[in-house]
Amino acid sequence: MLILSRKVNEKIMIGDDISVSIIEVRGDQVRIGVDAPKTVKVFRQEVFDAIRAENKAAAESAPVLPQLDFGGAHREVL
C-alpha cells in the first residue's frame, strides 16, 4: 500500500484521468473528492462490500421461474 501525505486542496493522481482531492480535514474525518470518468465506478468500501455480497448471493441462488397455467389445454402453434 502506498501511503501519501496531502494537505487541503492538494491532489493525488491515479493514472492519467483519476484524481483524488483533499477537500477538508476536521478532527478524525477527511472529506475527499474523486474526479473520474463516468465509466469508472467509485464506491465507499462498505457499499462496495454490500454490492459484492448481494451479487454473490444472487449468483448462488436458483432462479425462480413462474408457473404457467394453460387451463389444462394447449396446442402447438406453427
PDB file of N, CA and C in Angstrom:
ATOM      1  N   MET A   1       0.843  -1.173   0.000  1.00  0.00           N
ATOM      2  CA  MET A   1       0.000   0.000   0.000  1.00  0.00           C
ATOM      3  C   MET A   1       0.888   1.234   0.000  1.00  0.00           C
ATOM      4  N   LEU A   2       0.571   2.144  -0.886  1.00  0.00           N
ATOM      5  CA  LEU A   2       1.266   3.422  -0.945  1.00  0.00           C
ATOM      6  C   LEU A   2       0.587   4.379   0.020  1.00  0.00           C
ATOM      7  N   ILE A   3       1.346   5.020   0.884  1.00  0.00           N
ATOM      8  CA  ILE A   3       0.801   5.979   1.844  1.00  0.00           C
ATOM      9  C   ILE A   3       1.373   7.345   1.522  1.00  0.00           C
ATOM     10  N   LEU A   4       0.480   8.316   1.296  1.00  0.00           N
ATOM     11  CA  LEU A   4       0.886   9.664   0.924  1.00  0.00           C
ATOM     12  C   LEU A   4       0.305  10.669   1.902  1.00  0.00           C
ATOM     13  N   SER A   5       1.020  11.739   2.147  1.00  0.00           N
ATOM     14  CA  SER A   5       0.501  12.852   2.953  1.00  0.00           C
ATOM     15  C   SER A   5       0.080  13.962   2.006  1.00  0.00           C
ATOM     16  N   ARG A   6      -1.071  14.537   2.260  1.00  0.00           N
ATOM     17  CA  ARG A   6      -1.588  15.630   1.448  1.00  0.00           C
ATOM     18  C   ARG A   6      -2.228  16.658   2.370  1.00  0.00           C
ATOM     19  N   LYS A   7      -2.277  17.889   1.929  1.00  0.00           N
ATOM     20  CA  LYS A   7      -2.940  18.962   2.653  1.00  0.00           C
ATOM     21  C   LYS A   7      -4.217  19.325   1.917  1.00  0.00           C
ATOM     22  N   VAL A   8      -5.069  20.107   2.561  1.00  0.00           N
ATOM     23  CA  VAL A   8      -6.310  20.550   1.930  1.00  0.00           C
ATOM     24  C   VAL A   8      -5.986  21.220   0.601  1.00  0.00           C
ATOM     25  N   ASN A   9      -6.786  20.925  -0.400  1.00  0.00           N
ATOM     26  CA  ASN A   9      -6.668  21.422  -1.777  1.00  0.00           C
ATOM     27  C   ASN A   9      -5.540  20.780  -2.575  1.00  0.00           C
ATOM     28  N   GLU A  10      -4.861  19.798  -2.026  1.00  0.00           N
ATOM     29  CA  GLU A  10      -3.860  19.057  -2.781  1.00  0.00           C
ATOM     30  C   GLU A  10      -4.514  17.802  -3.355  1.00  0.00           C
ATOM     31  N   LYS A  11      -3.907  17.263  -4.422  1.00  0.00           N
ATOM     32  CA  LYS A  11      -4.485  16.123  -5.126  1.00  0.00           C
ATOM     33  C   LYS A  11      -3.510  14.958  -5.204  1.00  0.00           C
ATOM     34  N   ILE A  12      -4.084  13.809  -5.476  1.00  0.00           N
ATOM     35  CA  ILE A  12      -3.337  12.597  -5.812  1.00  0.00           C
ATOM     36  C   ILE A  12      -3.880  12.140  -7.157  1.00  0.00           C
ATOM     37  N   MET A  13      -3.008  11.848  -8.095  1.00  0.00           N
ATOM     38  CA  MET A  13      -3.421  11.362  -9.408  1.00  0.00           C
ATOM     39  C   MET A  13      -3.284   9.844  -9.465  1.00  0.00           C
ATOM     40  N   ILE A  14      -4.284   9.196 -10.049  1.00  0.00           N
ATOM     41  CA  ILE A  14      -4.266   7.754 -10.288  1.00  0.00           C
ATOM     42  C   ILE A  14      -4.371   7.585 -11.792  1.00  0.00           C
ATOM     43  N   GLY A  15      -3.299   7.171 -12.409  1.00  0.00           N
ATOM     44  CA  GLY A  15      -3.275   7.109 -13.868  1.00  0.00           C
ATOM     45  C   GLY A  15      -3.369   8.509 -14.448  1.00  0.00           C
ATOM     46  N   ASP A  16      -3.892   8.589 -15.660  1.00  0.00           N
ATOM     47  CA  ASP A  16      -3.987   9.877 -16.342  1.00  0.00           C
ATOM     48  C   ASP A  16      -5.297  10.605 -16.095  1.00  0.00           C
ATOM     49  N   ASP A  17      -6.343   9.876 -15.650  1.00  0.00           N
ATOM     50  CA  ASP A  17      -7.655  10.506 -15.639  1.00  0.00           C
ATOM     51  C   ASP A  17      -8.448  10.380 -14.342  1.00  0.00           C
ATOM     52  N   ILE A  18      -7.803   9.996 -13.254  1.00  0.00           N
ATOM     53  CA  ILE A  18      -8.484   9.936 -11.963  1.00  0.00           C
ATOM     54  C   ILE A  18      -7.693  10.769 -10.964  1.00  0.00           C
ATOM     55  N   SER A  19      -8.386  11.703 -10.318  1.00  0.00           N
ATOM     56  CA  SER A  19      -7.723  12.490  -9.275  1.00  0.00           C
ATOM     57  C   SER A  19      -8.528  12.423  -7.990  1.00  0.00           C
ATOM     58  N   VAL A  20      -7.818  12.411  -6.885  1.00  0.00           N
ATOM     59  CA  VAL A  20      -8.411  12.416  -5.556  1.00  0.00           C
ATOM     60  C   VAL A  20      -7.955  13.705  -4.875  1.00  0.00           C
ATOM     61  N   SER A  21      -8.909  14.543  -4.493  1.00  0.00           N
ATOM     62  CA  SER A  21      -8.602  15.834  -3.876  1.00  0.00           C
ATOM     63  C   SER A  21      -8.959  15.810  -2.394  1.00  0.00           C
ATOM     64  N   ILE A  22      -8.130  16.423  -1.586  1.00  0.00           N
ATOM     65  CA  ILE A  22      -8.437  16.582  -0.172  1.00  0.00           C
ATOM     66  C   ILE A  22      -9.254  17.866  -0.055  1.00  0.00           C
ATOM     67  N   ILE A  23     -10.494  17.726   0.373  1.00  0.00           N
ATOM     68  CA  ILE A  23     -11.417  18.858   0.445  1.00  0.00           C
ATOM     69  C   ILE A  23     -11.391  19.513   1.826  1.00  0.00           C
ATOM     70  N   GLU A  24     -11.402  18.663   2.869  1.00  0.00           N
ATOM     71  CA  GLU A  24     -11.486  19.204   4.232  1.00  0.00           C
ATOM     72  C   GLU A  24     -10.968  18.173   5.225  1.00  0.00           C
ATOM     73  N   VAL A  25     -10.316  18.635   6.259  1.00  0.00           N
ATOM     74  CA  VAL A  25      -9.899  17.778   7.374  1.00  0.00           C
ATOM     75  C   VAL A  25     -10.519  18.378   8.626  1.00  0.00           C
ATOM     76  N   ARG A  26     -11.330  17.568   9.314  1.00  0.00           N
ATOM     77  CA  ARG A  26     -11.995  18.034  10.525  1.00  0.00           C
ATOM     78  C   ARG A  26     -11.913  16.921  11.574  1.00  0.00           C
ATOM     79  N   GLY A  27     -11.050  17.102  12.554  1.00  0.00           N
ATOM     80  CA  GLY A  27     -10.873  16.068  13.578  1.00  0.00           C
ATOM     81  C   GLY A  27     -10.325  14.800  12.951  1.00  0.00           C
ATOM     82  N   ASP A  28     -11.045  13.686  13.145  1.00  0.00           N
ATOM     83  CA  ASP A  28     -10.589  12.407  12.600  1.00  0.00           C
ATOM     84  C   ASP A  28     -11.267  12.073  11.271  1.00  0.00           C
ATOM     85  N   GLN A  29     -11.936  13.057  10.659  1.00  0.00           N
ATOM     86  CA  GLN A  29     -12.580  12.826   9.369  1.00  0.00           C
ATOM     87  C   GLN A  29     -11.903  13.645   8.275  1.00  0.00           C
ATOM     88  N   VAL A  30     -11.832  13.040   7.106  1.00  0.00           N
ATOM     89  CA  VAL A  30     -11.262  13.702   5.941  1.00  0.00           C
ATOM     90  C   VAL A  30     -12.303  13.629   4.828  1.00  0.00           C
ATOM     91  N   ARG A  31     -12.634  14.763   4.244  1.00  0.00           N
ATOM     92  CA  ARG A  31     -13.531  14.785   3.086  1.00  0.00           C
ATOM     93  C   ARG A  31     -12.654  14.813   1.847  1.00  0.00           C
ATOM     94  N   ILE A  32     -12.954  13.899   0.937  1.00  0.00           N
ATOM     95  CA  ILE A  32     -12.188  13.826  -0.303  1.00  0.00           C
ATOM     96  C   ILE A  32     -13.136  13.955  -1.489  1.00  0.00           C
ATOM     97  N   GLY A  33     -12.600  14.392  -2.587  1.00  0.00           N
ATOM     98  CA  GLY A  33     -13.339  14.429  -3.847  1.00  0.00           C
ATOM     99  C   GLY A  33     -12.632  13.544  -4.846  1.00  0.00           C
ATOM    100  N   VAL A  34     -13.418  12.791  -5.605  1.00  0.00           N
ATOM    101  CA  VAL A  34     -12.854  11.900  -6.613  1.00  0.00           C
ATOM    102  C   VAL A  34     -13.355  12.355  -7.975  1.00  0.00           C
ATOM    103  N   ASP A  35     -12.451  12.641  -8.865  1.00  0.00           N
ATOM    104  CA  ASP A  35     -12.790  13.020 -10.225  1.00  0.00           C
ATOM    105  C   ASP A  35     -12.331  11.892 -11.135  1.00  0.00           C
ATOM    106  N   ALA A  36     -13.307  11.197 -11.722  1.00  0.00           N
ATOM    107  CA  ALA A  36     -13.001  10.037 -12.563  1.00  0.00           C
ATOM    108  C   ALA A  36     -13.974   9.992 -13.732  1.00  0.00           C
ATOM    109  N   PRO A  37     -13.602   9.311 -14.809  1.00  0.00           N
ATOM    110  CA  PRO A  37     -14.531   9.155 -15.930  1.00  0.00           C
ATOM    111  C   PRO A  37     -15.802   8.431 -15.479  1.00  0.00           C
ATOM    112  N   LYS A  38     -16.906   8.688 -16.172  1.00  0.00           N
ATOM    113  CA  LYS A  38     -18.179   8.058 -15.814  1.00  0.00           C
ATOM    114  C   LYS A  38     -18.130   6.542 -15.922  1.00  0.00           C
ATOM    115  N   THR A  39     -17.201   6.021 -16.692  1.00  0.00           N
ATOM    116  CA  THR A  39     -17.086   4.570 -16.848  1.00  0.00           C
ATOM    117  C   THR A  39     -16.427   3.908 -15.637  1.00  0.00           C
ATOM    118  N   VAL A  40     -15.838   4.699 -14.753  1.00  0.00           N
ATOM    119  CA  VAL A  40     -15.185   4.179 -13.554  1.00  0.00           C
ATOM    120  C   VAL A  40     -16.158   4.309 -12.387  1.00  0.00           C
ATOM    121  N   LYS A  41     -16.505   3.197 -11.775  1.00  0.00           N
ATOM    122  CA  LYS A  41     -17.416   3.215 -10.634  1.00  0.00           C
ATOM    123  C   LYS A  41     -16.616   3.473  -9.367  1.00  0.00           C
ATOM    124  N   VAL A  42     -17.110   4.401  -8.555  1.00  0.00           N
ATOM    125  CA  VAL A  42     -16.433   4.763  -7.308  1.00  0.00           C
ATOM    126  C   VAL A  42     -17.422   4.546  -6.172  1.00  0.00           C
ATOM    127  N   PHE A  43     -17.056   3.718  -5.189  1.00  0.00           N
ATOM    128  CA  PHE A  43     -17.923   3.398  -4.056  1.00  0.00           C
ATOM    129  C   PHE A  43     -17.152   3.531  -2.756  1.00  0.00           C
ATOM    130  N   ARG A  44     -17.871   3.829  -1.671  1.00  0.00           N
ATOM    131  CA  ARG A  44     -17.289   3.670  -0.340  1.00  0.00           C
ATOM    132  C   ARG A  44     -17.120   2.172  -0.111  1.00  0.00           C
ATOM    133  N   GLN A  45     -16.159   1.783   0.706  1.00  0.00           N
ATOM    134  CA  GLN A  45     -15.852   0.363   0.913  1.00  0.00           C
ATOM    135  C   GLN A  45     -17.066  -0.421   1.394  1.00  0.00           C
ATOM    136  N   GLU A  46     -17.831   0.124   2.354  1.00  0.00           N
ATOM    137  CA  GLU A  46     -18.969  -0.619   2.893  1.00  0.00           C
ATOM    138  C   GLU A  46     -20.063  -0.820   1.844  1.00  0.00           C
ATOM    139  N   VAL A  47     -20.240   0.132   0.943  1.00  0.00           N
ATOM    140  CA  VAL A  47     -21.220  -0.016  -0.139  1.00  0.00           C
ATOM    141  C   VAL A  47     -20.718  -1.055  -1.143  1.00  0.00           C
ATOM    142  N   PHE A  48     -19.440  -0.999  -1.475  1.00  0.00           N
ATOM    143  CA  PHE A  48     -18.841  -1.966  -2.385  1.00  0.00           C
ATOM    144  C   PHE A  48     -18.988  -3.390  -1.842  1.00  0.00           C
ATOM    145  N   ASP A  49     -18.721  -3.566  -0.540  1.00  0.00           N
ATOM    146  CA  ASP A  49     -18.847  -4.895   0.077  1.00  0.00           C
ATOM    147  C   ASP A  49     -20.286  -5.391   0.038  1.00  0.00           C
ATOM    148  N   ALA A  50     -21.248  -4.505   0.276  1.00  0.00           N
ATOM    149  CA  ALA A  50     -22.661  -4.888   0.249  1.00  0.00           C
ATOM    150  C   ALA A  50     -23.088  -5.294  -1.163  1.00  0.00           C
ATOM    151  N   ILE A  51     -22.643  -4.558  -2.163  1.00  0.00           N
ATOM    152  CA  ILE A  51     -22.962  -4.891  -3.552  1.00  0.00           C
ATOM    153  C   ILE A  51     -22.360  -6.243  -3.920  1.00  0.00           C
ATOM    154  N   ARG A  52     -21.121  -6.451  -3.528  1.00  0.00           N
ATOM    155  CA  ARG A  52     -20.462  -7.728  -3.829  1.00  0.00           C
ATOM    156  C   ARG A  52     -21.193  -8.895  -3.168  1.00  0.00           C
ATOM    157  N   ALA A  53     -21.593  -8.735  -1.904  1.00  0.00           N
ATOM    158  CA  ALA A  53     -22.307  -9.805  -1.197  1.00  0.00           C
ATOM    159  C   ALA A  53     -23.664 -10.073  -1.854  1.00  0.00           C
ATOM    160  N   GLU A  54     -24.354  -9.022  -2.257  1.00  0.00           N
ATOM    161  CA  GLU A  54     -25.649  -9.184  -2.912  1.00  0.00           C
ATOM    162  C   GLU A  54     -25.493  -9.894  -4.256  1.00  0.00           C
ATOM    163  N   ASN A  55     -24.482  -9.526  -5.019  1.00  0.00           N
ATOM    164  CA  ASN A  55     -24.237 -10.189  -6.297  1.00  0.00           C
ATOM    165  C   ASN A  55     -23.880 -11.658  -6.108  1.00  0.00           C
ATOM    166  N   LYS A  56     -23.083 -11.949  -5.091  1.00  0.00           N
ATOM    167  CA  LYS A  56     -22.703 -13.335  -4.823  1.00  0.00           C
ATOM    168  C   LYS A  56     -23.924 -14.158  -4.437  1.00  0.00           C
ATOM    169  N   ALA A  57     -24.786 -13.598  -3.572  1.00  0.00           N
ATOM    170  CA  ALA A  57     -25.997 -14.304  -3.152  1.00  0.00           C
ATOM    171  C   ALA A  57     -26.917 -14.548  -4.342  1.00  0.00           C
ATOM    172  N   ALA A  58     -27.047 -13.575  -5.218  1.00  0.00           N
ATOM    173  CA  ALA A  58     -27.907 -13.729  -6.399  1.00  0.00           C
ATOM    174  C   ALA A  58     -27.358 -14.801  -7.335  1.00  0.00           C
ATOM    175  N   ALA A  59     -26.041 -14.860  -7.483  1.00  0.00           N
ATOM    176  CA  ALA A  59     -25.429 -15.845  -8.372  1.00  0.00           C
ATOM    177  C   ALA A  59     -25.559 -17.262  -7.816  1.00  0.00           C
ATOM    178  N   GLU A  60     -25.605 -17.395  -6.502  1.00  0.00           N
ATOM    179  CA  GLU A  60     -25.679 -18.715  -5.877  1.00  0.00           C
ATOM    180  C   GLU A  60     -27.103 -19.228  -5.730  1.00  0.00           C
ATOM    181  N   SER A  61     -28.095 -18.362  -5.840  1.00  0.00           N
ATOM    182  CA  SER A  61     -29.480 -18.798  -5.658  1.00  0.00           C
ATOM    183  C   SER A  61     -30.013 -19.357  -6.970  1.00  0.00           C
ATOM    184  N   ALA A  62     -30.946 -20.303  -6.846  1.00  0.00           N
ATOM    185  CA  ALA A  62     -31.565 -20.905  -8.021  1.00  0.00           C
ATOM    186  C   ALA A  62     -32.602 -19.934  -8.580  1.00  0.00           C
ATOM    187  N   PRO A  63     -32.675 -19.823  -9.884  1.00  0.00           N
ATOM    188  CA  PRO A  63     -33.678 -18.924 -10.460  1.00  0.00           C
ATOM    189  C   PRO A  63     -35.087 -19.432 -10.182  1.00  0.00           C
ATOM    190  N   VAL A  64     -35.983 -18.517  -9.953  1.00  0.00           N
ATOM    191  CA  VAL A  64     -37.384 -18.850  -9.717  1.00  0.00           C
ATOM    192  C   VAL A  64     -38.145 -18.535 -10.991  1.00  0.00           C
ATOM    193  N   LEU A  65     -38.690 -19.566 -11.608  1.00  0.00           N
ATOM    194  CA  LEU A  65     -39.432 -19.387 -12.841  1.00  0.00           C
ATOM    195  C   LEU A  65     -40.925 -19.456 -12.545  1.00  0.00           C
ATOM    196  N   PRO A  66     -41.709 -18.595 -13.174  1.00  0.00           N
ATOM    197  CA  PRO A  66     -43.147 -18.617 -12.914  1.00  0.00           C
ATOM    198  C   PRO A  66     -43.787 -19.869 -13.498  1.00  0.00           C
ATOM    199  N   GLN A  67     -44.830 -20.358 -12.816  1.00  0.00           N
ATOM    200  CA  GLN A  67     -45.591 -21.488 -13.321  1.00  0.00           C
ATOM    201  C   GLN A  67     -46.620 -20.947 -14.299  1.00  0.00           C
ATOM    202  N   LEU A  68     -46.668 -21.506 -15.485  1.00  0.00           N
ATOM    203  CA  LEU A  68     -47.631 -21.080 -16.497  1.00  0.00           C
ATOM    204  C   LEU A  68     -48.801 -22.052 -16.500  1.00  0.00           C
ATOM    205  N   ASP A  69     -49.997 -21.514 -16.467  1.00  0.00           N
ATOM    206  CA  ASP A  69     -51.201 -22.339 -16.462  1.00  0.00           C
ATOM    207  C   ASP A  69     -51.929 -22.109 -17.776  1.00  0.00           C
ATOM    208  N   PHE A  70     -52.025 -23.170 -18.577  1.00  0.00           N
ATOM    209  CA  PHE A  70     -52.706 -23.067 -19.856  1.00  0.00           C
ATOM    210  C   PHE A  70     -54.136 -23.601 -19.751  1.00  0.00           C
ATOM    211  N   GLY A  71     -54.648 -23.701 -18.555  1.00  0.00           N
ATOM    212  CA  GLY A  71     -56.024 -24.156 -18.375  1.00  0.00           C
ATOM    213  C   GLY A  71     -56.224 -25.605 -18.744  1.00  0.00           C
ATOM    214  N   GLY A  72     -55.219 -26.399 -18.668  1.00  0.00           N
ATOM    215  CA  GLY A  72     -55.350 -27.830 -18.948  1.00  0.00           C
ATOM    216  C   GLY A  72     -55.280 -28.168 -20.430  1.00  0.00           C
ATOM    217  N   ALA A  73     -55.353 -27.187 -21.296  1.00  0.00           N
ATOM    218  CA  ALA A  73     -55.309 -27.475 -22.735  1.00  0.00           C
ATOM    219  C   ALA A  73     -54.333 -26.494 -23.374  1.00  0.00           C
ATOM    220  N   HIS A  74     -53.531 -27.017 -24.228  1.00  0.00           N
ATOM    221  CA  HIS A  74     -52.649 -26.160 -25.001  1.00  0.00           C
ATOM    222  C   HIS A  74     -52.463 -26.783 -26.382  1.00  0.00           C
ATOM    223  N   ARG A  75     -52.136 -25.993 -27.312  1.00  0.00           N
ATOM    224  CA  ARG A  75     -51.954 -26.506 -28.667  1.00  0.00           C
ATOM    225  C   ARG A  75     -50.663 -25.934 -29.233  1.00  0.00           C
ATOM    226  N   GLU A  76     -50.108 -26.622 -30.144  1.00  0.00           N
ATOM    227  CA  GLU A  76     -48.889 -26.202 -30.788  1.00  0.00           C
ATOM    228  C   GLU A  76     -49.221 -25.193 -31.875  1.00  0.00           C
ATOM    229  N   VAL A  77     -48.508 -24.087 -31.847  1.00  0.00           N
ATOM    230  CA  VAL A  77     -48.722 -23.056 -32.839  1.00  0.00           C
ATOM    231  C   VAL A  77     -47.555 -23.083 -33.801  1.00  0.00           C
ATOM    232  N   LEU A  78     -47.848 -23.169 -35.092  1.00  0.00           N
ATOM    233  CA  LEU A  78     -46.791 -23.215 -36.099  1.00  0.00           C
ATOM    234  C   LEU A  78     -46.601 -21.859 -36.726  1.00  0.00           C
TER     235      LEU A  78
END
